[in-house]
Amino acid sequence: MATAAEIEKQAEAREIRTRWYLSAPALIIILLAASGPLLIVLLYSFLTPGPYGDVQWKFSTEGWVSVFLERDIFDDTLSFASAHLTIFWRSLKLALMATVATLVFGFPTAYFIATRSERTRDIWLFLITIPFWTNLLIRTFAVLQVIRNEGLINTALINLGIIDQPIQMLYTDFAIMVGMVYVYLPLMVLPLYASMEKLDFRLVEAGYDLYATRWQVLKRIIFPLVRPGVVAGSILVFIPAIGAYVTPSVLGGGKNMMFANLIELQFGQGRNWPLGAALSITVMAIVMVALLVYVRNTAGSEVRHG
């Protein structure tokens, strides 16, 4: 006869199998919905571009070669694709700048909300989430109306006599960064608020009682305790910022192309789907590696600080 331990072990095994059976449909749907399109893009990157778009089912690595190299049209010699590298550097730079800017503006905003009374916190959070009610394109056009030559800022400065000619802000990297900061700021504020809401402010008071300055309290008490919110907010901002398409298209005017615009160009006017697919996989892989390194280093820092 089976012992009680064996019966319990068999029952546990049956329960595990039942859970897997019940979750199998959802797992299959997630696998097909998430991995299916990605595998198609990966497959297209190893095919030959068709004459009018689409692909020809012939194996080729030319798409991957063209990510970092360009072939001379006369002698087929290879050289670095300086245009691709410039566009990627601009995308990375603007995404990092937008992440830092949203952190600079989002941190005090989240701290302000977390230190309000419980009755008013919901009102402030409600105000933060209002931009999400509007389409991204409409929000971007709203920024355009503010920073264009005849926009709100230039008009106010001219009427005040501060400047004689409008400042060219539109169709620059500055305009793209401003647009991304405005669009992605709530994605930084909400994770920061979630961490600060759990913060024991008696620790802050204890720091002041021990004659710590405000900067010391922020650096040694508040920031280490809300580090998970900083990491989450940075990830939520950086990922969509480096792949932004609408904001650079509207505020950059096509003059300041970013990686997403380059990918769209290959699938559209360029009619080079394998290169567009290879560029898509490349930027995704680079972002994943950067985020893994960042999260691992941040986690190690948290352990060292207890």
C-alpha atoms as a PDB file:
ATOM      1  CA  MET A   1       0.000   0.000   0.000  1.00  0.00           C
ATOM      2  CA  ALA A   2       1.098   3.551  -0.725  1.00  0.00           C
ATOM      3  CA  THR A   3       2.196   5.579   2.226  1.00  0.00           C
ATOM      4  CA  ALA A   4       0.622   8.866   3.210  1.00  0.00           C
ATOM      5  CA  ALA A   5       3.633  10.746   1.862  1.00  0.00           C
ATOM      6  CA  GLU A   6       3.350   9.036  -1.541  1.00  0.00           C
ATOM      7  CA  ILE A   7      -0.392   9.752  -1.725  1.00  0.00           C
ATOM      8  CA  GLU A   8       0.226  13.398  -0.880  1.00  0.00           C
ATOM      9  CA  LYS A   9       2.974  13.588  -3.494  1.00  0.00           C
ATOM     10  CA  GLN A  10       0.718  12.050  -6.157  1.00  0.00           C
ATOM     11  CA  ALA A  11      -2.098  14.454  -5.283  1.00  0.00           C
ATOM     12  CA  GLU A  12       0.282  17.385  -5.555  1.00  0.00           C
ATOM     13  CA  ALA A  13       1.489  16.145  -8.964  1.00  0.00           C
ATOM     14  CA  ARG A  14      -2.117  15.830 -10.189  1.00  0.00           C
ATOM     15  CA  GLU A  15      -2.854  19.339  -8.971  1.00  0.00           C
ATOM     16  CA  ILE A  16       0.169  20.707 -10.836  1.00  0.00           C
ATOM     17  CA  ARG A  17      -0.873  18.917 -14.040  1.00  0.00           C
ATOM     18  CA  THR A  18      -4.414  20.260 -13.667  1.00  0.00           C
ATOM     19  CA  ARG A  19      -3.101  23.814 -13.320  1.00  0.00           C
ATOM     20  CA  TRP A  20      -0.992  23.394 -16.434  1.00  0.00           C
ATOM     21  CA  TYR A  21      -3.961  22.014 -18.376  1.00  0.00           C
ATOM     22  CA  LEU A  22      -6.176  24.895 -17.276  1.00  0.00           C
ATOM     23  CA  SER A  23      -3.579  27.535 -18.113  1.00  0.00           C
ATOM     24  CA  ALA A  24      -2.539  25.922 -21.421  1.00  0.00           C
ATOM     25  CA  PRO A  25      -5.090  27.818 -23.612  1.00  0.00           C
ATOM     26  CA  ALA A  26      -4.036  31.171 -22.194  1.00  0.00           C
ATOM     27  CA  LEU A  27      -0.339  30.301 -22.537  1.00  0.00           C
ATOM     28  CA  ILE A  28      -0.829  29.245 -26.160  1.00  0.00           C
ATOM     29  CA  ILE A  29      -2.659  32.475 -26.983  1.00  0.00           C
ATOM     30  CA  ILE A  30       0.050  34.553 -25.300  1.00  0.00           C
ATOM     31  CA  LEU A  31       2.760  32.581 -27.097  1.00  0.00           C
ATOM     32  CA  LEU A  32       1.136  33.033 -30.491  1.00  0.00           C
ATOM     33  CA  ALA A  33       0.206  36.679 -29.940  1.00  0.00           C
ATOM     34  CA  ALA A  34       3.569  37.730 -28.499  1.00  0.00           C
ATOM     35  CA  SER A  35       6.082  35.417 -30.136  1.00  0.00           C
ATOM     36  CA  GLY A  36       4.290  34.790 -33.441  1.00  0.00           C
ATOM     37  CA  PRO A  37       4.707  38.280 -34.966  1.00  0.00           C
ATOM     38  CA  LEU A  38       8.239  38.481 -33.609  1.00  0.00           C
ATOM     39  CA  LEU A  39       9.180  35.190 -35.266  1.00  0.00           C
ATOM     40  CA  ILE A  40       7.679  36.424 -38.550  1.00  0.00           C
ATOM     41  CA  VAL A  41       9.800  39.589 -38.359  1.00  0.00           C
ATOM     42  CA  LEU A  42      12.876  37.474 -37.564  1.00  0.00           C
ATOM     43  CA  LEU A  43      12.126  35.235 -40.554  1.00  0.00           C
ATOM     44  CA  TYR A  44      11.688  38.205 -42.894  1.00  0.00           C
ATOM     45  CA  SER A  45      15.093  39.558 -41.865  1.00  0.00           C
ATOM     46  CA  PHE A  46      16.765  36.534 -43.519  1.00  0.00           C
ATOM     47  CA  LEU A  47      14.890  36.805 -46.823  1.00  0.00           C
ATOM     48  CA  THR A  48      15.438  38.765 -50.023  1.00  0.00           C
ATOM     49  CA  PRO A  49      13.585  42.052 -50.623  1.00  0.00           C
ATOM     50  CA  GLY A  50      10.983  42.013 -53.365  1.00  0.00           C
ATOM     51  CA  PRO A  51      11.038  44.545 -56.216  1.00  0.00           C
ATOM     52  CA  TYR A  52       7.849  46.285 -55.019  1.00  0.00           C
ATOM     53  CA  GLY A  53       8.011  45.596 -51.299  1.00  0.00           C
ATOM     54  CA  ASP A  54       7.218  42.315 -49.579  1.00  0.00           C
ATOM     55  CA  VAL A  55       9.883  39.605 -49.683  1.00  0.00           C
ATOM     56  CA  GLN A  56      11.118  36.853 -51.935  1.00  0.00           C
ATOM     57  CA  TRP A  57      11.489  33.464 -50.285  1.00  0.00           C
ATOM     58  CA  LYS A  58      15.220  33.249 -50.881  1.00  0.00           C
ATOM     59  CA  PHE A  59      17.615  33.074 -47.947  1.00  0.00           C
ATOM     60  CA  SER A  60      19.825  36.140 -47.615  1.00  0.00           C
ATOM     61  CA  THR A  61      21.807  37.893 -44.873  1.00  0.00           C
ATOM     62  CA  GLU A  62      21.925  41.184 -46.789  1.00  0.00           C
ATOM     63  CA  GLY A  63      19.344  42.703 -44.446  1.00  0.00           C
ATOM     64  CA  TRP A  64      21.563  42.113 -41.417  1.00  0.00           C
ATOM     65  CA  VAL A  65      24.669  43.283 -43.257  1.00  0.00           C
ATOM     66  CA  SER A  66      22.906  46.538 -44.153  1.00  0.00           C
ATOM     67  CA  VAL A  67      22.112  47.285 -40.505  1.00  0.00           C
ATOM     68  CA  PHE A  68      25.675  48.410 -39.775  1.00  0.00           C
ATOM     69  CA  LEU A  69      27.278  48.396 -43.228  1.00  0.00           C
ATOM     70  CA  GLU A  70      26.409  49.897 -46.600  1.00  0.00           C
ATOM     71  CA  ARG A  71      27.435  48.575 -49.991  1.00  0.00           C
ATOM     72  CA  ASP A  72      28.878  50.904 -52.616  1.00  0.00           C
ATOM     73  CA  ILE A  73      26.695  50.935 -55.731  1.00  0.00           C
ATOM     74  CA  PHE A  74      29.739  50.962 -58.061  1.00  0.00           C
ATOM     75  CA  ASP A  75      32.246  48.439 -56.673  1.00  0.00           C
ATOM     76  CA  ASP A  76      30.202  46.630 -53.956  1.00  0.00           C
ATOM     77  CA  THR A  77      32.716  47.552 -51.248  1.00  0.00           C
ATOM     78  CA  LEU A  78      31.375  47.730 -47.702  1.00  0.00           C
ATOM     79  CA  SER A  79      31.662  50.656 -45.309  1.00  0.00           C
ATOM     80  CA  PHE A  80      29.992  51.624 -42.061  1.00  0.00           C
ATOM     81  CA  ALA A  81      26.385  52.784 -42.445  1.00  0.00           C
ATOM     82  CA  SER A  82      27.020  56.166 -40.869  1.00  0.00           C
ATOM     83  CA  ALA A  83      23.401  57.254 -41.414  1.00  0.00           C
ATOM     84  CA  HIS A  84      22.056  54.288 -39.439  1.00  0.00           C
ATOM     85  CA  LEU A  85      24.570  54.821 -36.636  1.00  0.00           C
ATOM     86  CA  THR A  86      23.725  58.534 -36.485  1.00  0.00           C
ATOM     87  CA  ILE A  87      20.007  57.817 -36.286  1.00  0.00           C
ATOM     88  CA  PHE A  88      20.504  55.175 -33.609  1.00  0.00           C
ATOM     89  CA  TRP A  89      22.712  57.499 -31.563  1.00  0.00           C
ATOM     90  CA  ARG A  90      20.104  60.272 -31.824  1.00  0.00           C
ATOM     91  CA  SER A  91      17.364  57.858 -30.724  1.00  0.00           C
ATOM     92  CA  LEU A  92      19.409  56.603 -27.780  1.00  0.00           C
ATOM     93  CA  LYS A  93      20.462  60.107 -26.756  1.00  0.00           C
ATOM     94  CA  LEU A  94      16.961  61.563 -26.886  1.00  0.00           C
ATOM     95  CA  ALA A  95      15.478  58.555 -25.082  1.00  0.00           C
ATOM     96  CA  LEU A  96      18.027  58.893 -22.259  1.00  0.00           C
ATOM     97  CA  MET A  97      17.517  62.657 -22.064  1.00  0.00           C
ATOM     98  CA  ALA A  98      13.738  62.217 -21.967  1.00  0.00           C
ATOM     99  CA  THR A  99      14.083  59.582 -19.224  1.00  0.00           C
ATOM    100  CA  VAL A 100      16.294  61.861 -17.107  1.00  0.00           C
ATOM    101  CA  ALA A 101      14.002  64.857 -17.709  1.00  0.00           C
ATOM    102  CA  THR A 102      10.873  62.930 -16.720  1.00  0.00           C
ATOM    103  CA  LEU A 103      12.674  61.759 -13.586  1.00  0.00           C
ATOM    104  CA  VAL A 104      13.684  65.327 -12.718  1.00  0.00           C
ATOM    105  CA  PHE A 105      10.109  66.582 -13.128  1.00  0.00           C
ATOM    106  CA  GLY A 106       8.362  63.411 -11.968  1.00  0.00           C
ATOM    107  CA  PHE A 107      10.224  62.891  -8.687  1.00  0.00           C
ATOM    108  CA  PRO A 108       9.097  66.133  -6.986  1.00  0.00           C
ATOM    109  CA  THR A 109       5.622  65.700  -8.486  1.00  0.00           C
ATOM    110  CA  ALA A 110       5.259  62.207  -7.019  1.00  0.00           C
ATOM    111  CA  TYR A 111       6.688  63.402  -3.688  1.00  0.00           C
ATOM    112  CA  PHE A 112       4.200  66.268  -3.604  1.00  0.00           C
ATOM    113  CA  ILE A 113       1.274  63.914  -4.228  1.00  0.00           C
ATOM    114  CA  ALA A 114       2.503  61.363  -1.684  1.00  0.00           C
ATOM    115  CA  THR A 115       2.726  64.016   1.027  1.00  0.00           C
ATOM    116  CA  ARG A 116      -0.826  65.292   0.521  1.00  0.00           C
ATOM    117  CA  SER A 117      -3.738  64.142   2.624  1.00  0.00           C
ATOM    118  CA  GLU A 118      -5.498  60.941   1.617  1.00  0.00           C
ATOM    119  CA  ARG A 119      -8.570  62.875   0.472  1.00  0.00           C
ATOM    120  CA  THR A 120      -6.645  65.019  -2.034  1.00  0.00           C
ATOM    121  CA  ARG A 121      -4.250  62.352  -3.354  1.00  0.00           C
ATOM    122  CA  ASP A 122      -6.907  60.867  -5.614  1.00  0.00           C
ATOM    123  CA  ILE A 123      -7.601  64.295  -7.105  1.00  0.00           C
ATOM    124  CA  TRP A 124      -3.931  64.861  -7.934  1.00  0.00           C
ATOM    125  CA  LEU A 125      -3.597  61.370  -9.423  1.00  0.00           C
ATOM    126  CA  PHE A 126      -6.722  62.028 -11.456  1.00  0.00           C
ATOM    127  CA  LEU A 127      -5.126  65.175 -12.878  1.00  0.00           C
ATOM    128  CA  ILE A 128      -1.953  63.256 -13.736  1.00  0.00           C
ATOM    129  CA  THR A 129      -3.874  60.636 -15.709  1.00  0.00           C
ATOM    130  CA  ILE A 130      -6.001  63.115 -17.697  1.00  0.00           C
ATOM    131  CA  PRO A 131      -3.534  63.253 -20.653  1.00  0.00           C
ATOM    132  CA  PHE A 132      -4.081  59.517 -21.172  1.00  0.00           C
ATOM    133  CA  TRP A 133      -7.685  60.299 -22.092  1.00  0.00           C
ATOM    134  CA  THR A 134      -6.487  62.017 -25.279  1.00  0.00           C
ATOM    135  CA  ASN A 135      -4.983  60.385 -28.338  1.00  0.00           C
ATOM    136  CA  LEU A 136      -1.186  60.547 -28.599  1.00  0.00           C
ATOM    137  CA  LEU A 137      -1.350  62.347 -31.934  1.00  0.00           C
ATOM    138  CA  ILE A 138      -3.614  65.068 -30.516  1.00  0.00           C
ATOM    139  CA  ARG A 139      -1.287  65.564 -27.541  1.00  0.00           C
ATOM    140  CA  THR A 140       1.672  65.867 -29.879  1.00  0.00           C
ATOM    141  CA  PHE A 141      -0.122  68.464 -32.012  1.00  0.00           C
ATOM    142  CA  ALA A 142      -0.889  70.366 -28.804  1.00  0.00           C
ATOM    143  CA  VAL A 143       2.854  70.587 -28.091  1.00  0.00           C
ATOM    144  CA  LEU A 144       3.400  71.712 -31.691  1.00  0.00           C
ATOM    145  CA  GLN A 145       0.970  74.602 -31.196  1.00  0.00           C
ATOM    146  CA  VAL A 146       2.896  75.707 -28.119  1.00  0.00           C
ATOM    147  CA  ILE A 147       6.458  75.662 -29.504  1.00  0.00           C
ATOM    148  CA  ARG A 148       5.961  76.611 -33.182  1.00  0.00           C
ATOM    149  CA  ASN A 149       7.149  79.998 -34.425  1.00  0.00           C
ATOM    150  CA  GLU A 150       3.663  81.506 -34.066  1.00  0.00           C
ATOM    151  CA  GLY A 151       2.923  79.454 -30.964  1.00  0.00           C
ATOM    152  CA  LEU A 152       2.201  80.375 -27.383  1.00  0.00           C
ATOM    153  CA  ILE A 153       5.812  80.672 -26.175  1.00  0.00           C
ATOM    154  CA  ASN A 154       7.175  82.749 -29.051  1.00  0.00           C
ATOM    155  CA  THR A 155       4.110  84.991 -29.112  1.00  0.00           C
ATOM    156  CA  ALA A 156       4.392  85.676 -25.374  1.00  0.00           C
ATOM    157  CA  LEU A 157       8.126  86.421 -25.593  1.00  0.00           C
ATOM    158  CA  ILE A 158       7.632  88.791 -28.533  1.00  0.00           C
ATOM    159  CA  ASN A 159       4.757  90.634 -26.827  1.00  0.00           C
ATOM    160  CA  LEU A 160       6.878  91.044 -23.689  1.00  0.00           C
ATOM    161  CA  GLY A 161       9.692  92.523 -25.761  1.00  0.00           C
ATOM    162  CA  ILE A 162      12.193  89.818 -24.778  1.00  0.00           C
ATOM    163  CA  ILE A 163      12.865  88.725 -28.367  1.00  0.00           C
ATOM    164  CA  ASP A 164      12.368  90.327 -31.784  1.00  0.00           C
ATOM    165  CA  GLN A 165      12.247  87.180 -33.900  1.00  0.00           C
ATOM    166  CA  PRO A 166      10.659  83.826 -33.068  1.00  0.00           C
ATOM    167  CA  ILE A 167      12.987  81.190 -31.630  1.00  0.00           C
ATOM    168  CA  GLN A 168      13.173  78.153 -33.883  1.00  0.00           C
ATOM    169  CA  MET A 169      12.170  75.316 -31.567  1.00  0.00           C
ATOM    170  CA  LEU A 170      10.026  73.229 -33.889  1.00  0.00           C
ATOM    171  CA  TYR A 171      11.660  70.554 -36.058  1.00  0.00           C
ATOM    172  CA  THR A 172      14.654  70.192 -33.728  1.00  0.00           C
ATOM    173  CA  ASP A 173      15.888  67.569 -31.274  1.00  0.00           C
ATOM    174  CA  PHE A 174      14.731  69.904 -28.505  1.00  0.00           C
ATOM    175  CA  ALA A 175      11.164  69.783 -29.808  1.00  0.00           C
ATOM    176  CA  ILE A 176      11.231  65.982 -29.954  1.00  0.00           C
ATOM    177  CA  MET A 177      12.524  65.739 -26.390  1.00  0.00           C
ATOM    178  CA  VAL A 178       9.921  68.213 -25.098  1.00  0.00           C
ATOM    179  CA  GLY A 179       7.184  66.212 -26.794  1.00  0.00           C
ATOM    180  CA  MET A 180       8.399  62.913 -25.337  1.00  0.00           C
ATOM    181  CA  VAL A 181       8.740  64.382 -21.838  1.00  0.00           C
ATOM    182  CA  TYR A 182       5.182  65.690 -21.999  1.00  0.00           C
ATOM    183  CA  VAL A 183       3.815  62.405 -23.351  1.00  0.00           C
ATOM    184  CA  TYR A 184       5.693  60.024 -21.030  1.00  0.00           C
ATOM    185  CA  LEU A 185       5.786  62.051 -17.800  1.00  0.00           C
ATOM    186  CA  PRO A 186       2.776  60.230 -16.253  1.00  0.00           C
ATOM    187  CA  LEU A 187       4.575  56.901 -16.827  1.00  0.00           C
ATOM    188  CA  MET A 188       7.308  58.146 -14.508  1.00  0.00           C
ATOM    189  CA  VAL A 189       5.090  59.803 -11.912  1.00  0.00           C
ATOM    190  CA  LEU A 190       2.811  56.829 -11.235  1.00  0.00           C
ATOM    191  CA  PRO A 191       5.534  54.234 -10.350  1.00  0.00           C
ATOM    192  CA  LEU A 192       7.342  56.835  -8.250  1.00  0.00           C
ATOM    193  CA  TYR A 193       4.139  57.646  -6.398  1.00  0.00           C
ATOM    194  CA  ALA A 194       3.474  53.939  -5.786  1.00  0.00           C
ATOM    195  CA  SER A 195       6.884  53.672  -4.079  1.00  0.00           C
ATOM    196  CA  MET A 196       6.607  56.935  -2.161  1.00  0.00           C
ATOM    197  CA  GLU A 197       3.139  56.087  -0.892  1.00  0.00           C
ATOM    198  CA  LYS A 198       4.691  53.165   1.022  1.00  0.00           C
ATOM    199  CA  LEU A 199       7.543  55.303   2.358  1.00  0.00           C
ATOM    200  CA  ASP A 200       7.654  55.636   6.137  1.00  0.00           C
ATOM    201  CA  PHE A 201       8.075  59.384   6.521  1.00  0.00           C
ATOM    202  CA  ARG A 202       9.082  58.901  10.143  1.00  0.00           C
ATOM    203  CA  LEU A 203      12.488  57.967   8.722  1.00  0.00           C
ATOM    204  CA  VAL A 204      12.627  61.357   7.025  1.00  0.00           C
ATOM    205  CA  GLU A 205      11.762  63.085  10.281  1.00  0.00           C
ATOM    206  CA  ALA A 206      14.439  61.031  12.045  1.00  0.00           C
ATOM    207  CA  GLY A 207      16.983  62.213   9.483  1.00  0.00           C
ATOM    208  CA  TYR A 208      16.092  65.835  10.172  1.00  0.00           C
ATOM    209  CA  ASP A 209      16.273  65.187  13.925  1.00  0.00           C
ATOM    210  CA  LEU A 210      19.841  63.952  13.406  1.00  0.00           C
ATOM    211  CA  TYR A 211      20.697  67.293  11.722  1.00  0.00           C
ATOM    212  CA  ALA A 212      20.837  65.932   8.187  1.00  0.00           C
ATOM    213  CA  THR A 213      20.399  68.453   5.403  1.00  0.00           C
ATOM    214  CA  ARG A 214      17.613  68.146   2.858  1.00  0.00           C
ATOM    215  CA  TRP A 215      20.062  66.872   0.251  1.00  0.00           C
ATOM    216  CA  GLN A 216      21.387  64.227   2.670  1.00  0.00           C
ATOM    217  CA  VAL A 217      17.864  63.102   3.524  1.00  0.00           C
ATOM    218  CA  LEU A 218      17.010  62.862  -0.162  1.00  0.00           C
ATOM    219  CA  LYS A 219      20.211  61.024  -1.071  1.00  0.00           C
ATOM    220  CA  ARG A 220      20.533  58.645   1.901  1.00  0.00           C
ATOM    221  CA  ILE A 221      16.916  58.008   2.933  1.00  0.00           C
ATOM    222  CA  ILE A 222      14.288  58.849   0.342  1.00  0.00           C
ATOM    223  CA  PHE A 223      16.037  57.920  -2.900  1.00  0.00           C
ATOM    224  CA  PRO A 224      17.293  54.457  -1.793  1.00  0.00           C
ATOM    225  CA  LEU A 225      13.830  53.540  -0.486  1.00  0.00           C
ATOM    226  CA  VAL A 226      12.025  54.600  -3.670  1.00  0.00           C
ATOM    227  CA  ARG A 227      14.661  53.123  -5.997  1.00  0.00           C
ATOM    228  CA  PRO A 228      12.237  50.415  -7.282  1.00  0.00           C
ATOM    229  CA  GLY A 229       9.880  53.151  -8.458  1.00  0.00           C
ATOM    230  CA  VAL A 230      12.759  54.961 -10.158  1.00  0.00           C
ATOM    231  CA  VAL A 231      13.764  51.771 -11.977  1.00  0.00           C
ATOM    232  CA  ALA A 232      10.191  50.969 -13.019  1.00  0.00           C
ATOM    233  CA  GLY A 233       9.511  54.518 -14.191  1.00  0.00           C
ATOM    234  CA  SER A 234      12.783  54.698 -16.119  1.00  0.00           C
ATOM    235  CA  ILE A 235      12.004  51.451 -17.919  1.00  0.00           C
ATOM    236  CA  LEU A 236       8.439  52.533 -18.714  1.00  0.00           C
ATOM    237  CA  VAL A 237       9.725  55.789 -20.213  1.00  0.00           C
ATOM    238  CA  PHE A 238      12.908  54.592 -21.931  1.00  0.00           C
ATOM    239  CA  ILE A 239      11.371  51.694 -23.881  1.00  0.00           C
ATOM    240  CA  PRO A 240       8.627  53.683 -25.681  1.00  0.00           C
ATOM    241  CA  ALA A 241      10.915  56.728 -26.016  1.00  0.00           C
ATOM    242  CA  ILE A 242      13.614  54.914 -27.976  1.00  0.00           C
ATOM    243  CA  GLY A 243      10.932  53.466 -30.262  1.00  0.00           C
ATOM    244  CA  ALA A 244       8.877  56.644 -30.563  1.00  0.00           C
ATOM    245  CA  TYR A 245       7.385  57.269 -33.995  1.00  0.00           C
ATOM    246  CA  VAL A 246       4.520  59.784 -33.812  1.00  0.00           C
ATOM    247  CA  THR A 247       6.315  62.441 -31.766  1.00  0.00           C
ATOM    248  CA  PRO A 248       9.489  62.572 -33.936  1.00  0.00           C
ATOM    249  CA  SER A 249       7.377  62.556 -37.105  1.00  0.00           C
ATOM    250  CA  VAL A 250       5.254  65.528 -36.038  1.00  0.00           C
ATOM    251  CA  LEU A 251       7.732  67.599 -34.025  1.00  0.00           C
ATOM    252  CA  GLY A 252      10.835  66.571 -35.966  1.00  0.00           C
ATOM    253  CA  GLY A 253       9.235  67.180 -39.328  1.00  0.00           C
ATOM    254  CA  GLY A 254      11.183  64.360 -40.965  1.00  0.00           C
ATOM    255  CA  LYS A 255      14.455  66.280 -40.524  1.00  0.00           C
ATOM    256  CA  ASN A 256      15.407  64.593 -37.252  1.00  0.00           C
ATOM    257  CA  MET A 257      14.716  60.951 -37.955  1.00  0.00           C
ATOM    258  CA  MET A 258      14.720  58.393 -35.170  1.00  0.00           C
ATOM    259  CA  PHE A 259      14.990  54.622 -35.288  1.00  0.00           C
ATOM    260  CA  ALA A 260      11.264  53.968 -35.578  1.00  0.00           C
ATOM    261  CA  ASN A 261      11.033  56.397 -38.500  1.00  0.00           C
ATOM    262  CA  LEU A 262      13.933  54.603 -40.203  1.00  0.00           C
ATOM    263  CA  ILE A 263      12.191  51.252 -39.791  1.00  0.00           C
ATOM    264  CA  GLU A 264       8.933  52.650 -41.175  1.00  0.00           C
ATOM    265  CA  LEU A 265      10.863  54.084 -44.108  1.00  0.00           C
ATOM    266  CA  GLN A 266      12.231  50.639 -45.009  1.00  0.00           C
ATOM    267  CA  PHE A 267       8.757  49.064 -44.939  1.00  0.00           C
ATOM    268  CA  GLY A 268       7.312  52.003 -46.888  1.00  0.00           C
ATOM    269  CA  GLN A 269       9.227  54.055 -49.423  1.00  0.00           C
ATOM    270  CA  GLY A 270      12.420  52.022 -49.134  1.00  0.00           C
ATOM    271  CA  ARG A 271      10.618  48.744 -49.957  1.00  0.00           C
ATOM    272  CA  ASN A 272      13.316  46.811 -48.122  1.00  0.00           C
ATOM    273  CA  TRP A 273      11.390  44.669 -45.693  1.00  0.00           C
ATOM    274  CA  PRO A 274      14.321  42.436 -44.653  1.00  0.00           C
ATOM    275  CA  LEU A 275      16.349  45.497 -43.632  1.00  0.00           C
ATOM    276  CA  GLY A 276      13.366  46.918 -41.747  1.00  0.00           C
ATOM    277  CA  ALA A 277      12.897  43.593 -39.970  1.00  0.00           C
ATOM    278  CA  ALA A 278      16.611  43.365 -39.120  1.00  0.00           C
ATOM    279  CA  LEU A 279      16.575  46.927 -37.763  1.00  0.00           C
ATOM    280  CA  SER A 280      13.535  46.076 -35.623  1.00  0.00           C
ATOM    281  CA  ILE A 281      15.200  43.001 -34.114  1.00  0.00           C
ATOM    282  CA  THR A 282      18.449  44.914 -33.592  1.00  0.00           C
ATOM    283  CA  VAL A 283      16.934  47.782 -31.630  1.00  0.00           C
ATOM    284  CA  MET A 284      14.851  45.351 -29.562  1.00  0.00           C
ATOM    285  CA  ALA A 285      17.922  43.270 -28.710  1.00  0.00           C
ATOM    286  CA  ILE A 286      19.973  46.336 -27.765  1.00  0.00           C
ATOM    287  CA  VAL A 287      17.205  47.663 -25.526  1.00  0.00           C
ATOM    288  CA  MET A 288      16.765  44.282 -23.834  1.00  0.00           C
ATOM    289  CA  VAL A 289      20.503  43.953 -23.124  1.00  0.00           C
ATOM    290  CA  ALA A 290      20.722  47.509 -21.781  1.00  0.00           C
ATOM    291  CA  LEU A 291      17.710  47.009 -19.528  1.00  0.00           C
ATOM    292  CA  LEU A 292      18.986  43.674 -18.194  1.00  0.00           C
ATOM    293  CA  VAL A 293      22.344  45.230 -17.314  1.00  0.00           C
ATOM    294  CA  TYR A 294      20.647  48.227 -15.717  1.00  0.00           C
ATOM    295  CA  VAL A 295      18.204  46.195 -13.655  1.00  0.00           C
ATOM    296  CA  ARG A 296      20.910  43.756 -12.513  1.00  0.00           C
ATOM    297  CA  ASN A 297      23.214  46.563 -11.396  1.00  0.00           C
ATOM    298  CA  THR A 298      20.355  48.327  -9.646  1.00  0.00           C
ATOM    299  CA  ALA A 299      19.301  45.138  -7.844  1.00  0.00           C
ATOM    300  CA  GLY A 300      22.871  44.604  -6.679  1.00  0.00           C
ATOM    301  CA  SER A 301      22.985  48.150  -5.361  1.00  0.00           C
ATOM    302  CA  GLU A 302      19.760  47.565  -3.409  1.00  0.00           C
ATOM    303  CA  VAL A 303      21.206  44.438  -1.785  1.00  0.00           C
ATOM    304  CA  ARG A 304      24.366  46.282  -0.737  1.00  0.00           C
ATOM    305  CA  HIS A 305      22.316  49.048   0.836  1.00  0.00           C
ATOM    306  CA  GLY A 306      20.027  46.580   2.592  1.00  0.00           C
END
